[in-house]
């Protein structure tokens, strides 16, 4: 199963996630989330894995999220606008962002990753 893993090089959690994938010999392609954020189509797929909860896709602890005041704006924002915003700025996307054919993972939780990836 080939995965696409969006990471930020200076993020220790992303580095831990990549290390975990390599240790478990999971085939993946790594992409830099800031310069090559997930597309709207990929975000829609991830949204389906997150039971339609748009908030889960956002890096709510990020500087950009706070600077844009998204905590207050997000509830009134349409799904389409939210997805376009995420696709336009990788700093807004929760990371690591892992998308496979049958799984979509946000953040790094080794137990959840093991269950989802069958490792």
N, C-alpha and C. Protein backbone atom coordinates (compact mmCIF):
# COMPACT_ATOMS: atom_id res chain seq x y z
N UNK A 1 0.85 -1.17 0.00
CA UNK A 1 0.00 0.00 0.00
C UNK A 1 0.89 1.23 0.00
N UNK A 2 0.82 2.01 -1.04
CA UNK A 2 1.62 3.23 -1.12
C UNK A 2 0.85 4.37 -0.45
N UNK A 3 1.54 5.08 0.39
CA UNK A 3 0.97 6.21 1.10
C UNK A 3 1.62 7.50 0.64
N UNK A 4 0.86 8.58 0.73
CA UNK A 4 1.42 9.91 0.54
C UNK A 4 1.46 10.54 1.92
N UNK A 5 2.63 10.98 2.33
CA UNK A 5 2.83 11.55 3.66
C UNK A 5 3.30 12.98 3.51
N UNK A 6 2.47 13.90 3.95
CA UNK A 6 2.83 15.32 3.94
C UNK A 6 3.44 15.66 5.28
N UNK A 7 4.66 16.23 5.23
CA UNK A 7 5.38 16.55 6.46
C UNK A 7 6.03 17.92 6.35
N UNK A 8 6.48 18.39 7.49
CA UNK A 8 7.27 19.61 7.58
C UNK A 8 8.61 19.21 8.20
N UNK A 9 9.69 19.50 7.53
CA UNK A 9 11.01 19.03 7.95
C UNK A 9 11.40 19.45 9.36
N UNK A 10 10.95 20.62 9.81
CA UNK A 10 11.32 21.09 11.15
C UNK A 10 10.38 20.61 12.24
N UNK A 11 9.45 19.75 11.90
CA UNK A 11 8.47 19.23 12.86
C UNK A 11 8.96 17.90 13.43
N UNK A 12 9.20 17.86 14.73
CA UNK A 12 9.73 16.64 15.35
C UNK A 12 8.71 15.50 15.27
N UNK A 13 7.43 15.80 15.35
CA UNK A 13 6.41 14.77 15.25
C UNK A 13 6.41 14.16 13.85
N UNK A 14 6.59 15.00 12.84
CA UNK A 14 6.68 14.50 11.46
C UNK A 14 7.90 13.59 11.30
N UNK A 15 9.01 14.00 11.88
CA UNK A 15 10.23 13.18 11.79
C UNK A 15 10.02 11.83 12.49
N UNK A 16 9.34 11.84 13.65
CA UNK A 16 9.03 10.59 14.35
C UNK A 16 8.13 9.70 13.51
N UNK A 17 7.17 10.31 12.85
CA UNK A 17 6.24 9.55 12.01
C UNK A 17 6.97 8.88 10.85
N UNK A 18 7.84 9.63 10.18
CA UNK A 18 8.61 9.08 9.06
C UNK A 18 9.53 7.96 9.56
N UNK A 19 10.13 8.17 10.70
CA UNK A 19 10.99 7.14 11.29
C UNK A 19 10.18 5.87 11.56
N UNK A 20 8.97 6.03 12.08
CA UNK A 20 8.10 4.89 12.36
C UNK A 20 7.76 4.16 11.07
N UNK A 21 7.41 4.90 10.02
CA UNK A 21 7.07 4.27 8.74
C UNK A 21 8.25 3.47 8.19
N UNK A 22 9.42 4.06 8.27
CA UNK A 22 10.61 3.35 7.77
C UNK A 22 10.90 2.10 8.60
N UNK A 23 10.78 2.22 9.93
CA UNK A 23 11.03 1.07 10.81
C UNK A 23 10.05 -0.06 10.54
N UNK A 24 8.84 0.28 10.12
CA UNK A 24 7.83 -0.72 9.84
C UNK A 24 7.75 -1.08 8.35
N UNK A 25 8.73 -0.58 7.61
CA UNK A 25 8.87 -0.88 6.18
C UNK A 25 7.60 -0.62 5.38
N UNK A 26 7.02 0.54 5.64
CA UNK A 26 5.82 0.96 4.92
C UNK A 26 6.27 1.78 3.72
N UNK A 27 5.76 1.43 2.56
CA UNK A 27 6.08 2.15 1.33
C UNK A 27 5.33 3.49 1.34
N UNK A 28 6.06 4.59 1.18
CA UNK A 28 5.41 5.90 1.18
C UNK A 28 6.20 6.90 0.36
N UNK A 29 5.48 7.93 -0.05
CA UNK A 29 6.07 9.07 -0.73
C UNK A 29 5.91 10.26 0.20
N UNK A 30 7.00 10.95 0.47
CA UNK A 30 6.96 12.10 1.36
C UNK A 30 6.90 13.38 0.54
N UNK A 31 6.02 14.29 0.97
CA UNK A 31 5.88 15.58 0.30
C UNK A 31 5.97 16.69 1.34
N UNK A 32 6.58 17.81 0.97
CA UNK A 32 6.68 18.94 1.90
C UNK A 32 5.33 19.69 1.95
N UNK A 33 4.70 19.68 3.11
CA UNK A 33 3.35 20.23 3.23
C UNK A 33 3.29 21.73 3.03
N UNK A 34 4.36 22.46 3.33
CA UNK A 34 4.32 23.92 3.19
C UNK A 34 4.41 24.36 1.73
N UNK A 35 5.24 23.69 0.96
CA UNK A 35 5.43 24.09 -0.44
C UNK A 35 4.55 23.31 -1.42
N UNK A 36 4.05 22.16 -0.99
CA UNK A 36 3.22 21.31 -1.85
C UNK A 36 2.06 20.75 -1.02
N UNK A 37 1.13 21.63 -0.58
CA UNK A 37 0.04 21.17 0.29
C UNK A 37 -0.89 20.20 -0.41
N UNK A 38 -1.67 19.44 0.36
CA UNK A 38 -2.64 18.53 -0.25
C UNK A 38 -3.63 19.29 -1.13
N UNK A 39 -4.05 18.66 -2.19
CA UNK A 39 -5.03 19.25 -3.11
C UNK A 39 -6.42 19.20 -2.47
N UNK A 40 -7.35 19.93 -3.05
CA UNK A 40 -8.73 19.89 -2.58
C UNK A 40 -9.26 18.46 -2.66
N UNK A 41 -8.94 17.75 -3.72
CA UNK A 41 -9.40 16.36 -3.87
C UNK A 41 -8.84 15.48 -2.74
N UNK A 42 -7.56 15.65 -2.41
CA UNK A 42 -6.97 14.88 -1.32
C UNK A 42 -7.59 15.26 0.02
N UNK A 43 -7.85 16.54 0.20
CA UNK A 43 -8.48 16.99 1.44
C UNK A 43 -9.89 16.42 1.57
N UNK A 44 -10.62 16.33 0.47
CA UNK A 44 -11.96 15.72 0.49
C UNK A 44 -11.88 14.25 0.88
N UNK A 45 -10.89 13.56 0.34
CA UNK A 45 -10.71 12.14 0.71
C UNK A 45 -10.40 12.02 2.19
N UNK A 46 -9.51 12.88 2.69
CA UNK A 46 -9.18 12.84 4.11
C UNK A 46 -10.40 13.16 4.96
N UNK A 47 -11.18 14.10 4.53
CA UNK A 47 -12.39 14.49 5.26
C UNK A 47 -13.32 13.29 5.43
N UNK A 48 -13.41 12.46 4.43
CA UNK A 48 -14.25 11.25 4.52
C UNK A 48 -13.71 10.32 5.61
N UNK A 49 -12.39 10.21 5.73
CA UNK A 49 -11.79 9.36 6.77
C UNK A 49 -11.97 9.98 8.16
N UNK A 50 -12.25 11.26 8.22
CA UNK A 50 -12.42 11.97 9.50
C UNK A 50 -13.90 12.20 9.81
N UNK A 51 -14.76 11.39 9.23
CA UNK A 51 -16.21 11.47 9.46
C UNK A 51 -16.78 12.86 9.18
N UNK A 52 -16.21 13.55 8.21
CA UNK A 52 -16.72 14.85 7.82
C UNK A 52 -16.38 16.00 8.76
N UNK A 53 -15.52 15.75 9.74
CA UNK A 53 -15.17 16.78 10.72
C UNK A 53 -14.04 17.65 10.16
N UNK A 54 -14.41 18.79 9.58
CA UNK A 54 -13.45 19.70 8.95
C UNK A 54 -12.39 20.21 9.93
N UNK A 55 -12.78 20.46 11.14
CA UNK A 55 -11.86 21.02 12.14
C UNK A 55 -10.62 20.13 12.32
N UNK A 56 -10.80 18.82 12.18
CA UNK A 56 -9.68 17.89 12.35
C UNK A 56 -8.58 18.10 11.32
N UNK A 57 -8.93 18.65 10.17
CA UNK A 57 -7.95 18.86 9.12
C UNK A 57 -7.06 20.07 9.37
N UNK A 58 -7.49 20.95 10.26
CA UNK A 58 -6.75 22.18 10.54
C UNK A 58 -5.72 21.99 11.64
N UNK A 59 -4.58 22.64 11.46
CA UNK A 59 -3.54 22.71 12.48
C UNK A 59 -3.95 23.81 13.46
N UNK A 60 -4.82 23.47 14.39
CA UNK A 60 -5.43 24.46 15.28
C UNK A 60 -4.44 25.08 16.26
N UNK A 61 -3.28 24.49 16.41
CA UNK A 61 -2.28 25.07 17.30
C UNK A 61 -1.25 25.91 16.55
N UNK A 62 -1.44 26.03 15.24
CA UNK A 62 -0.48 26.76 14.41
C UNK A 62 -0.63 28.27 14.47
N UNK A 63 0.45 28.94 14.22
CA UNK A 63 0.48 30.41 14.22
C UNK A 63 -0.46 30.97 13.16
N UNK A 64 -0.44 30.38 11.97
CA UNK A 64 -1.26 30.86 10.86
C UNK A 64 -2.75 30.75 11.19
N UNK A 65 -3.15 29.64 11.81
CA UNK A 65 -4.54 29.43 12.21
C UNK A 65 -5.00 30.53 13.15
N UNK A 66 -4.16 30.83 14.14
CA UNK A 66 -4.49 31.87 15.11
C UNK A 66 -4.47 33.26 14.47
N UNK A 67 -3.48 33.51 13.62
CA UNK A 67 -3.35 34.83 12.99
C UNK A 67 -4.56 35.15 12.12
N UNK A 68 -5.13 34.14 11.49
CA UNK A 68 -6.30 34.35 10.63
C UNK A 68 -7.62 34.34 11.42
N UNK A 69 -7.54 34.07 12.72
CA UNK A 69 -8.74 34.04 13.55
C UNK A 69 -9.71 32.94 13.14
N UNK A 70 -9.18 31.80 12.73
CA UNK A 70 -10.03 30.74 12.18
C UNK A 70 -10.90 30.05 13.22
N UNK A 71 -10.53 30.11 14.48
CA UNK A 71 -11.37 29.50 15.51
C UNK A 71 -12.77 30.12 15.48
N UNK A 72 -12.83 31.42 15.27
CA UNK A 72 -14.12 32.11 15.20
C UNK A 72 -14.76 32.02 13.82
N UNK A 73 -13.96 31.98 12.77
CA UNK A 73 -14.47 32.01 11.39
C UNK A 73 -14.89 30.64 10.86
N UNK A 74 -14.22 29.59 11.30
CA UNK A 74 -14.44 28.26 10.74
C UNK A 74 -15.88 27.77 10.87
N UNK A 75 -16.56 27.98 12.00
CA UNK A 75 -17.94 27.47 12.09
C UNK A 75 -18.88 28.03 11.03
N UNK A 76 -18.65 29.24 10.58
CA UNK A 76 -19.52 29.86 9.57
C UNK A 76 -19.02 29.65 8.14
N UNK A 77 -17.83 29.10 7.99
CA UNK A 77 -17.23 28.92 6.67
C UNK A 77 -17.78 27.66 6.00
N UNK A 78 -18.06 27.73 4.71
CA UNK A 78 -18.54 26.55 3.99
C UNK A 78 -17.42 25.52 3.88
N UNK A 79 -17.81 24.29 3.66
CA UNK A 79 -16.82 23.22 3.49
C UNK A 79 -15.94 23.50 2.29
N UNK A 80 -16.53 23.96 1.20
CA UNK A 80 -15.76 24.25 -0.02
C UNK A 80 -14.72 25.33 0.24
N UNK A 81 -15.11 26.39 0.93
CA UNK A 81 -14.16 27.46 1.23
C UNK A 81 -13.08 26.99 2.19
N UNK A 82 -13.44 26.17 3.16
CA UNK A 82 -12.46 25.63 4.11
C UNK A 82 -11.42 24.78 3.38
N UNK A 83 -11.89 23.93 2.47
CA UNK A 83 -10.97 23.06 1.74
C UNK A 83 -10.06 23.87 0.82
N UNK A 84 -10.61 24.89 0.18
CA UNK A 84 -9.77 25.75 -0.68
C UNK A 84 -8.71 26.47 0.16
N UNK A 85 -9.09 26.93 1.34
CA UNK A 85 -8.14 27.60 2.23
C UNK A 85 -7.02 26.66 2.65
N UNK A 86 -7.37 25.45 3.02
CA UNK A 86 -6.37 24.45 3.41
C UNK A 86 -5.43 24.14 2.24
N UNK A 87 -5.99 23.98 1.05
CA UNK A 87 -5.17 23.65 -0.13
C UNK A 87 -4.26 24.80 -0.53
N UNK A 88 -4.60 26.01 -0.10
CA UNK A 88 -3.79 27.17 -0.48
C UNK A 88 -2.63 27.44 0.47
N UNK A 89 -2.66 26.84 1.65
CA UNK A 89 -1.63 27.12 2.66
C UNK A 89 -1.39 25.89 3.53
N UNK A 90 -0.32 25.17 3.25
CA UNK A 90 0.01 23.96 3.98
C UNK A 90 0.26 24.18 5.47
N UNK A 91 0.52 25.43 5.86
CA UNK A 91 0.73 25.70 7.28
C UNK A 91 -0.56 25.54 8.08
N UNK A 92 -1.68 25.55 7.40
CA UNK A 92 -2.98 25.40 8.07
C UNK A 92 -3.38 23.94 8.27
N UNK A 93 -2.71 23.02 7.58
CA UNK A 93 -3.09 21.61 7.57
C UNK A 93 -2.41 20.86 8.72
N UNK A 94 -3.20 20.07 9.43
CA UNK A 94 -2.66 19.23 10.51
C UNK A 94 -1.65 18.27 9.91
N UNK A 95 -0.56 18.09 10.62
CA UNK A 95 0.50 17.22 10.12
C UNK A 95 0.98 16.27 11.21
N UNK A 96 1.57 15.17 10.81
CA UNK A 96 1.64 14.69 9.44
C UNK A 96 0.26 14.35 8.90
N UNK A 97 0.14 14.50 7.61
CA UNK A 97 -1.10 14.25 6.87
C UNK A 97 -0.80 13.03 6.00
N UNK A 98 -1.43 11.90 6.30
CA UNK A 98 -1.11 10.64 5.64
C UNK A 98 -2.33 10.12 4.92
N UNK A 99 -2.20 9.94 3.63
CA UNK A 99 -3.34 9.50 2.83
C UNK A 99 -2.97 8.27 2.02
N UNK A 100 -3.75 7.23 2.20
CA UNK A 100 -3.58 6.00 1.44
C UNK A 100 -4.89 5.64 0.76
N UNK A 101 -4.90 4.51 0.09
CA UNK A 101 -6.12 4.09 -0.59
C UNK A 101 -7.25 3.79 0.39
N UNK A 102 -6.89 3.22 1.53
CA UNK A 102 -7.91 2.80 2.49
C UNK A 102 -7.76 3.45 3.86
N UNK A 103 -6.92 4.47 3.95
CA UNK A 103 -6.73 5.11 5.25
C UNK A 103 -6.35 6.58 5.09
N UNK A 104 -6.71 7.33 6.10
CA UNK A 104 -6.34 8.74 6.18
C UNK A 104 -6.02 9.05 7.63
N UNK A 105 -4.79 9.45 7.90
CA UNK A 105 -4.34 9.68 9.26
C UNK A 105 -3.84 11.11 9.42
N UNK A 106 -4.20 11.71 10.54
CA UNK A 106 -3.74 13.06 10.87
C UNK A 106 -3.03 13.00 12.21
N UNK A 107 -1.89 13.68 12.30
CA UNK A 107 -1.11 13.60 13.53
C UNK A 107 -0.43 12.25 13.62
N UNK A 108 0.33 12.05 14.69
CA UNK A 108 1.05 10.78 14.82
C UNK A 108 0.69 10.11 16.13
N UNK A 109 0.00 8.99 16.01
CA UNK A 109 -0.36 8.13 17.13
C UNK A 109 0.04 6.72 16.72
N UNK A 110 1.18 6.22 17.24
CA UNK A 110 1.68 4.91 16.80
C UNK A 110 0.64 3.79 16.85
N UNK A 111 -0.18 3.75 17.91
CA UNK A 111 -1.17 2.68 18.03
C UNK A 111 -2.23 2.80 16.92
N UNK A 112 -2.68 4.02 16.65
CA UNK A 112 -3.66 4.21 15.59
C UNK A 112 -3.05 3.89 14.23
N UNK A 113 -1.80 4.28 14.04
CA UNK A 113 -1.15 3.99 12.77
C UNK A 113 -0.98 2.49 12.58
N UNK A 114 -0.62 1.80 13.64
CA UNK A 114 -0.45 0.35 13.54
C UNK A 114 -1.77 -0.31 13.18
N UNK A 115 -2.86 0.12 13.80
CA UNK A 115 -4.17 -0.44 13.51
C UNK A 115 -4.59 -0.13 12.06
N UNK A 116 -4.39 1.09 11.62
CA UNK A 116 -4.82 1.51 10.28
C UNK A 116 -3.96 0.91 9.17
N UNK A 117 -2.68 0.79 9.44
CA UNK A 117 -1.75 0.33 8.40
C UNK A 117 -1.42 -1.15 8.49
N UNK A 118 -1.97 -1.83 9.50
CA UNK A 118 -1.76 -3.26 9.63
C UNK A 118 -0.33 -3.64 9.92
N UNK A 119 0.37 -2.83 10.68
CA UNK A 119 1.78 -3.11 10.98
C UNK A 119 1.93 -3.67 12.39
